[in-house]
Amino acid sequence: LFSPIFLHNTDIIRVELIFQSSSSLFMDPSLYFALPESFNPLTSPLDFDQWVRKFEACATANKWEDDDQLKHLPPLLRGDAWIVYDELKPNEKDTMANLVKNLSHKLNIATQMQSSEQLYRRTLDPGSESLLTYQNDIKRLAHRAYPDMTADQVAPIILTAFIRGLRGHSMSLARKVTNNNPKTLQFALKKAQFLLSDPFEDGDVP
């Protein structure tokens, strides 16, 4: 007799088959499924397309065919992602290509307004994390809030939101970065990091 045990370790779920006998237990550690973490569009650090690529990488490791992926993907969806999936018509989720295309499109619509509101609130938060973490969060929310824009089109929105959010770290920091007239997010981030770490600053940047 055997029973499957799912051991959760970060983003890998390992399935161990434990064979039970009357006198001992035997474990085969070579049997496992690799799976990504569950996907919730409002809390996941990845957007849906990134998450799908991670799922597909796991599917390749598991040697899953299309039908296998269609069975294993839905239980990993959470929140609005599951609701949108559940409302898809059968012919909208009969293949992985159809499922990914239709789910991605409808999730973008469902989360666009929520992400826009989150992006605005994010620029008002106190700066309690690293600038790199803050930058990545701003980029993620901006791309979700404006899914139809190209990377070049959304870049100024991200840059503006990033600089505004620097006020949560320090009004002086935000002012000094703005005075350098940054044209790119990368320049603004490097300048802010330099100002925060410069021992010769006049003290009004914490």
Protein backbone atom coordinates (compact mmCIF):
# COMPACT_ATOMS: atom_id res chain seq x y z
CA LEU A 1 0.00 0.00 0.00
CA PHE A 2 1.15 3.56 -0.56
CA SER A 3 -0.11 7.02 0.07
CA PRO A 4 1.09 10.26 -1.58
CA ILE A 5 2.51 12.96 0.68
CA PHE A 6 2.79 16.51 -0.71
CA LEU A 7 5.67 18.43 0.85
CA HIS A 8 5.58 22.18 0.12
CA ASN A 9 9.00 23.83 -0.09
CA THR A 10 8.93 27.36 -1.58
CA ASP A 11 7.72 26.87 -5.15
CA ILE A 12 8.36 23.13 -5.47
CA ILE A 13 5.85 20.53 -4.40
CA ARG A 14 7.53 17.20 -3.90
CA VAL A 15 5.46 14.08 -4.01
CA GLU A 16 6.90 11.22 -2.05
CA LEU A 17 5.44 7.75 -2.29
CA ILE A 18 5.71 5.97 1.01
CA PHE A 19 5.28 2.25 0.87
CA GLN A 20 3.95 0.80 4.07
CA SER A 21 4.37 -2.74 5.28
CA SER A 22 3.68 -4.35 8.59
CA SER A 23 7.22 -3.85 9.79
CA SER A 24 8.78 -0.86 7.97
CA LEU A 25 8.37 2.19 5.71
CA PHE A 26 10.17 2.62 2.39
CA MET A 27 10.47 6.01 0.69
CA ASP A 28 11.38 6.59 -2.95
CA PRO A 29 12.76 10.16 -3.07
CA SER A 30 13.14 10.11 -6.88
CA LEU A 31 9.41 10.48 -7.54
CA TYR A 32 8.17 14.08 -7.54
CA PHE A 33 6.18 16.75 -9.36
CA ALA A 34 7.64 20.20 -9.85
CA LEU A 35 4.96 22.90 -9.62
CA PRO A 36 5.04 26.70 -9.33
CA GLU A 37 3.43 28.52 -6.44
CA SER A 38 -0.29 29.23 -6.68
CA PHE A 39 -1.29 32.26 -8.77
CA ASN A 40 -3.41 35.10 -7.38
CA PRO A 41 -3.42 38.14 -9.69
CA LEU A 42 -3.52 40.62 -6.80
CA THR A 43 -0.74 39.16 -4.68
CA SER A 44 1.59 37.23 -6.98
CA PRO A 45 4.98 38.86 -7.66
CA LEU A 46 4.68 37.52 -11.22
CA ASP A 47 2.16 38.57 -13.84
CA PHE A 48 0.11 35.81 -15.42
CA ASP A 49 2.30 35.43 -18.52
CA GLN A 50 5.43 35.10 -16.37
CA TRP A 51 3.69 32.61 -14.11
CA VAL A 52 2.57 30.52 -17.11
CA ARG A 53 6.16 30.35 -18.35
CA LYS A 54 7.18 29.07 -14.93
CA PHE A 55 4.35 26.52 -15.01
CA GLU A 56 5.44 25.39 -18.49
CA ALA A 57 9.03 24.97 -17.27
CA CYS A 58 7.72 22.73 -14.50
CA ALA A 59 5.54 20.86 -17.00
CA THR A 60 8.59 20.19 -19.15
CA ALA A 61 10.46 18.86 -16.12
CA ASN A 62 7.49 16.60 -15.36
CA LYS A 63 7.25 15.52 -19.04
CA TRP A 64 3.58 16.50 -19.12
CA GLU A 65 1.60 16.55 -22.33
CA ASP A 66 -1.06 19.17 -23.10
CA ASP A 67 -3.81 17.17 -21.37
CA ASP A 68 -1.69 16.81 -18.23
CA GLN A 69 -1.11 20.56 -18.09
CA LEU A 70 -4.84 21.23 -18.48
CA LYS A 71 -5.50 19.07 -15.42
CA HIS A 72 -2.76 20.48 -13.19
CA LEU A 73 -2.99 24.21 -13.94
CA PRO A 74 -6.55 25.06 -12.72
CA PRO A 75 -6.05 23.92 -9.07
CA LEU A 76 -3.16 26.40 -8.80
CA LEU A 77 -5.38 29.40 -9.56
CA ARG A 78 -6.58 31.56 -6.67
CA GLY A 79 -8.95 34.50 -6.24
CA ASP A 80 -10.04 36.26 -9.41
CA ALA A 81 -7.88 33.92 -11.50
CA TRP A 82 -10.02 30.93 -10.50
CA ILE A 83 -13.27 32.87 -10.94
CA VAL A 84 -12.30 33.92 -14.47
CA TYR A 85 -11.17 30.38 -15.33
CA ASP A 86 -14.40 28.90 -14.00
CA GLU A 87 -16.44 31.25 -16.19
CA LEU A 88 -14.59 30.38 -19.41
CA LYS A 89 -16.60 28.44 -21.96
CA PRO A 90 -15.45 24.85 -22.66
CA ASN A 91 -14.06 25.80 -26.07
CA GLU A 92 -12.09 28.65 -24.45
CA LYS A 93 -10.09 26.25 -22.29
CA ASP A 94 -9.97 23.03 -24.33
CA THR A 95 -6.26 23.40 -25.15
CA MET A 96 -3.39 25.04 -23.29
CA ALA A 97 -3.03 27.62 -26.05
CA ASN A 98 -6.71 28.59 -25.80
CA LEU A 99 -6.67 28.54 -22.01
CA VAL A 100 -3.61 30.78 -21.70
CA LYS A 101 -4.82 33.24 -24.36
CA ASN A 102 -8.35 33.62 -22.99
CA LEU A 103 -7.42 33.59 -19.32
CA SER A 104 -4.65 36.13 -19.85
CA HIS A 105 -6.96 38.46 -21.79
CA LYS A 106 -9.79 38.34 -19.27
CA LEU A 107 -7.49 38.60 -16.26
CA ASN A 108 -5.98 41.76 -17.72
CA ILE A 109 -9.45 43.30 -17.91
CA ALA A 110 -10.42 42.12 -14.42
CA THR A 111 -7.27 43.36 -12.69
CA GLN A 112 -6.54 46.54 -14.66
CA MET A 113 -8.55 48.92 -12.46
CA GLN A 114 -7.46 47.21 -9.24
CA SER A 115 -3.81 47.46 -10.24
CA SER A 116 -4.21 51.14 -11.14
CA GLU A 117 -5.59 51.85 -7.67
CA GLN A 118 -2.81 49.81 -6.07
CA LEU A 119 -0.19 51.69 -8.07
CA TYR A 120 -1.52 55.03 -6.81
CA ARG A 121 -1.61 53.83 -3.19
CA ARG A 122 1.87 52.35 -3.55
CA THR A 123 3.37 55.77 -4.26
CA LEU A 124 1.96 56.99 -0.93
CA ASP A 125 3.44 54.17 1.16
CA PRO A 126 6.27 54.91 3.62
CA GLY A 127 9.59 53.60 2.35
CA SER A 128 10.06 50.50 4.44
CA GLU A 129 11.72 48.25 1.85
CA SER A 130 14.73 48.44 -0.45
CA LEU A 131 14.55 50.72 -3.47
CA LEU A 132 15.03 47.74 -5.77
CA THR A 133 12.06 45.94 -4.23
CA TYR A 134 9.98 49.12 -4.50
CA GLN A 135 10.99 49.60 -8.14
CA ASN A 136 10.04 46.03 -9.06
CA ASP A 137 6.66 46.39 -7.36
CA ILE A 138 5.94 49.65 -9.19
CA LYS A 139 6.87 48.05 -12.53
CA ARG A 140 4.65 45.03 -11.86
CA LEU A 141 1.63 47.16 -10.94
CA ALA A 142 2.12 49.57 -13.84
CA HIS A 143 2.24 46.82 -16.43
CA ARG A 144 -0.93 45.30 -14.96
CA ALA A 145 -2.69 48.66 -14.83
CA TYR A 146 -1.84 49.43 -18.48
CA PRO A 147 -1.68 46.02 -20.21
CA ASP A 148 -2.31 47.43 -23.71
CA MET A 149 0.67 49.77 -23.59
CA THR A 150 4.09 48.84 -24.92
CA ALA A 151 7.12 48.83 -22.64
CA ASP A 152 8.22 52.20 -24.07
CA GLN A 153 4.78 53.72 -23.49
CA VAL A 154 4.49 52.59 -19.88
CA ALA A 155 8.09 53.52 -18.99
CA PRO A 156 7.33 57.23 -18.21
CA ILE A 157 4.44 56.18 -15.97
CA ILE A 158 6.73 53.85 -14.04
CA LEU A 159 9.42 56.52 -13.74
CA THR A 160 6.96 59.13 -12.45
CA ALA A 161 5.43 56.71 -9.94
CA PHE A 162 8.90 55.67 -8.73
CA ILE A 163 10.02 59.26 -8.11
CA ARG A 164 6.76 60.15 -6.36
CA GLY A 165 7.14 57.13 -4.13
CA LEU A 166 10.62 58.23 -3.06
CA ARG A 167 8.86 60.73 -0.81
CA GLY A 168 8.04 57.77 1.41
CA HIS A 169 11.78 57.40 2.01
CA SER A 170 12.52 61.13 2.16
CA MET A 171 11.14 64.32 0.62
CA SER A 172 14.72 65.46 0.19
CA LEU A 173 15.62 62.25 -1.64
CA ALA A 174 12.70 62.67 -4.04
CA ARG A 175 13.64 66.30 -4.67
CA LYS A 176 17.31 65.56 -5.36
CA VAL A 177 16.52 62.73 -7.76
CA THR A 178 13.99 64.96 -9.55
CA ASN A 179 16.57 67.77 -9.81
CA ASN A 180 18.83 65.39 -11.74
CA ASN A 181 16.09 65.18 -14.40
CA PRO A 182 16.26 61.39 -14.81
CA LYS A 183 15.18 60.12 -18.22
CA THR A 184 15.09 56.43 -17.32
CA LEU A 185 14.05 54.35 -14.34
CA GLN A 186 17.51 52.81 -14.15
CA PHE A 187 19.14 56.23 -13.80
CA ALA A 188 16.65 57.31 -11.13
CA LEU A 189 17.22 54.12 -9.15
CA LYS A 190 21.01 54.42 -9.29
CA LYS A 191 20.89 58.08 -8.28
CA ALA A 192 18.58 57.34 -5.35
CA GLN A 193 20.77 54.45 -4.20
CA PHE A 194 23.86 56.65 -4.44
CA LEU A 195 22.26 59.43 -2.39
CA LEU A 196 21.17 57.00 0.30
CA SER A 197 24.64 55.47 0.58
CA ASP A 198 26.79 58.60 0.14
CA PRO A 199 28.57 59.32 3.48
CA PHE A 200 29.21 62.93 2.40
CA GLU A 201 25.55 63.82 1.98
CA ASP A 202 24.46 66.78 4.11
CA GLY A 203 22.25 64.63 6.31
CA ASP A 204 18.79 65.46 5.06
CA VAL A 205 18.62 62.18 3.13
CA PRO A 206 18.18 59.42 5.73
